[in-house]
Amino acid sequence: PTLITLPSGEVLAVFGHPSRIGSSEHRNNRPELYSPSQNTWRRLAEIAAEHFDEFRPLFYPRLHVLPSGNVFF
């Protein structure tokens, strides 16, 4: 997956392969957020199916944290 550290210290993970055993998915459409202070991952909202084909060619999307703290995809 593509990983980016946010101003909060959390890490955003986008795409990559899902870790579910037996999964037939090739691409993970559910971003996750890692909290180093709690050593936990939290799943975020899925990328809607109608938009997923737009992102399918992106193997390692470029992510940038903007001065506002938002992530530019």
C-alpha atoms as a PDB file:
ATOM      1  CA  PRO A   1       0.000   0.000   0.000  1.00  0.00           C
ATOM      2  CA  THR A   2       0.892   3.668  -0.146  1.00  0.00           C
ATOM      3  CA  LEU A   3       1.524   5.079   3.318  1.00  0.00           C
ATOM      4  CA  ILE A   4       1.615   8.711   4.460  1.00  0.00           C
ATOM      5  CA  THR A   5       2.214  10.120   7.929  1.00  0.00           C
ATOM      6  CA  LEU A   6      -0.354  12.697   8.976  1.00  0.00           C
ATOM      7  CA  PRO A   7       0.341  15.753  11.161  1.00  0.00           C
ATOM      8  CA  SER A   8      -1.268  13.872  14.092  1.00  0.00           C
ATOM      9  CA  GLY A   9       1.393  11.154  13.813  1.00  0.00           C
ATOM     10  CA  GLU A  10      -1.137   8.644  12.510  1.00  0.00           C
ATOM     11  CA  VAL A  11      -0.393   6.793   9.276  1.00  0.00           C
ATOM     12  CA  LEU A  12      -2.867   6.566   6.390  1.00  0.00           C
ATOM     13  CA  ALA A  13      -2.639   3.387   4.279  1.00  0.00           C
ATOM     14  CA  VAL A  14      -4.263   3.401   0.833  1.00  0.00           C
ATOM     15  CA  PHE A  15      -4.721   0.447  -1.551  1.00  0.00           C
ATOM     16  CA  GLY A  16      -2.502  -2.628  -1.348  1.00  0.00           C
ATOM     17  CA  HIS A  17      -3.707  -6.201  -0.924  1.00  0.00           C
ATOM     18  CA  PRO A  18      -6.283  -7.046   1.748  1.00  0.00           C
ATOM     19  CA  SER A  19      -5.046  -9.378   4.469  1.00  0.00           C
ATOM     20  CA  ARG A  20      -8.195 -11.509   4.641  1.00  0.00           C
ATOM     21  CA  ILE A  21      -7.360 -15.144   4.031  1.00  0.00           C
ATOM     22  CA  GLY A  22      -9.101 -16.446   0.939  1.00  0.00           C
ATOM     23  CA  SER A  23      -9.970 -12.985  -0.330  1.00  0.00           C
ATOM     24  CA  SER A  24     -10.452 -12.805  -4.081  1.00  0.00           C
ATOM     25  CA  GLU A  25      -9.886  -9.040  -4.126  1.00  0.00           C
ATOM     26  CA  HIS A  26      -6.798  -7.895  -5.939  1.00  0.00           C
ATOM     27  CA  ARG A  27      -6.939  -4.311  -4.690  1.00  0.00           C
ATOM     28  CA  ASN A  28      -8.029  -3.056  -1.300  1.00  0.00           C
ATOM     29  CA  ASN A  29     -10.582  -0.260  -1.638  1.00  0.00           C
ATOM     30  CA  ARG A  30     -10.816   0.392   2.094  1.00  0.00           C
ATOM     31  CA  PRO A  31      -8.214   2.852   3.447  1.00  0.00           C
ATOM     32  CA  GLU A  32      -6.945   2.290   6.977  1.00  0.00           C
ATOM     33  CA  LEU A  33      -5.546   4.574   9.664  1.00  0.00           C
ATOM     34  CA  TYR A  34      -2.789   3.413  12.037  1.00  0.00           C
ATOM     35  CA  SER A  35      -2.500   4.969  15.488  1.00  0.00           C
ATOM     36  CA  PRO A  36       1.036   4.466  16.840  1.00  0.00           C
ATOM     37  CA  SER A  37       0.014   5.612  20.341  1.00  0.00           C
ATOM     38  CA  GLN A  38      -2.570   2.800  20.561  1.00  0.00           C
ATOM     39  CA  ASN A  39      -0.833   0.391  18.148  1.00  0.00           C
ATOM     40  CA  THR A  40      -4.142  -0.161  16.344  1.00  0.00           C
ATOM     41  CA  TRP A  41      -5.510   0.018  12.800  1.00  0.00           C
ATOM     42  CA  ARG A  42      -8.932   1.523  12.047  1.00  0.00           C
ATOM     43  CA  ARG A  43     -10.712   0.847   8.759  1.00  0.00           C
ATOM     44  CA  LEU A  44     -12.157   3.911   7.032  1.00  0.00           C
ATOM     45  CA  ALA A  45     -15.026   4.208   4.574  1.00  0.00           C
ATOM     46  CA  GLU A  46     -14.687   2.203   1.372  1.00  0.00           C
ATOM     47  CA  ILE A  47     -14.011   3.948  -1.902  1.00  0.00           C
ATOM     48  CA  ALA A  48     -17.418   3.724  -3.573  1.00  0.00           C
ATOM     49  CA  ALA A  49     -17.699   1.052  -6.245  1.00  0.00           C
ATOM     50  CA  GLU A  50     -18.677   3.590  -8.890  1.00  0.00           C
ATOM     51  CA  HIS A  51     -15.349   5.398  -8.307  1.00  0.00           C
ATOM     52  CA  PHE A  52     -13.143   2.352  -7.834  1.00  0.00           C
ATOM     53  CA  ASP A  53     -12.533   1.822 -11.563  1.00  0.00           C
ATOM     54  CA  GLU A  54     -11.105   5.368 -11.752  1.00  0.00           C
ATOM     55  CA  PHE A  55      -8.421   4.371  -9.228  1.00  0.00           C
ATOM     56  CA  ARG A  56      -7.783   0.836 -10.468  1.00  0.00           C
ATOM     57  CA  PRO A  57      -4.696   1.787 -12.531  1.00  0.00           C
ATOM     58  CA  LEU A  58      -3.038   3.360  -9.480  1.00  0.00           C
ATOM     59  CA  PHE A  59      -0.630   0.861  -7.971  1.00  0.00           C
ATOM     60  CA  TYR A  60       1.096   3.345  -5.675  1.00  0.00           C
ATOM     61  CA  PRO A  61      -0.977   6.547  -5.571  1.00  0.00           C
ATOM     62  CA  ARG A  62       0.850   9.745  -4.715  1.00  0.00           C
ATOM     63  CA  LEU A  63      -0.476  11.310  -1.543  1.00  0.00           C
ATOM     64  CA  HIS A  64       0.452  14.720  -0.156  1.00  0.00           C
ATOM     65  CA  VAL A  65      -0.473  16.356   3.147  1.00  0.00           C
ATOM     66  CA  LEU A  66      -1.647  19.911   2.482  1.00  0.00           C
ATOM     67  CA  PRO A  67      -0.997  22.795   4.918  1.00  0.00           C
ATOM     68  CA  SER A  68      -4.654  22.468   5.990  1.00  0.00           C
ATOM     69  CA  GLY A  69      -3.960  18.874   7.137  1.00  0.00           C
ATOM     70  CA  ASN A  70      -6.113  17.401   4.357  1.00  0.00           C
ATOM     71  CA  VAL A  71      -4.646  14.711   2.121  1.00  0.00           C
ATOM     72  CA  PHE A  72      -4.425  15.398  -1.612  1.00  0.00           C
ATOM     73  CA  PHE A  73      -4.876  12.192  -3.619  1.00  0.00           C
END
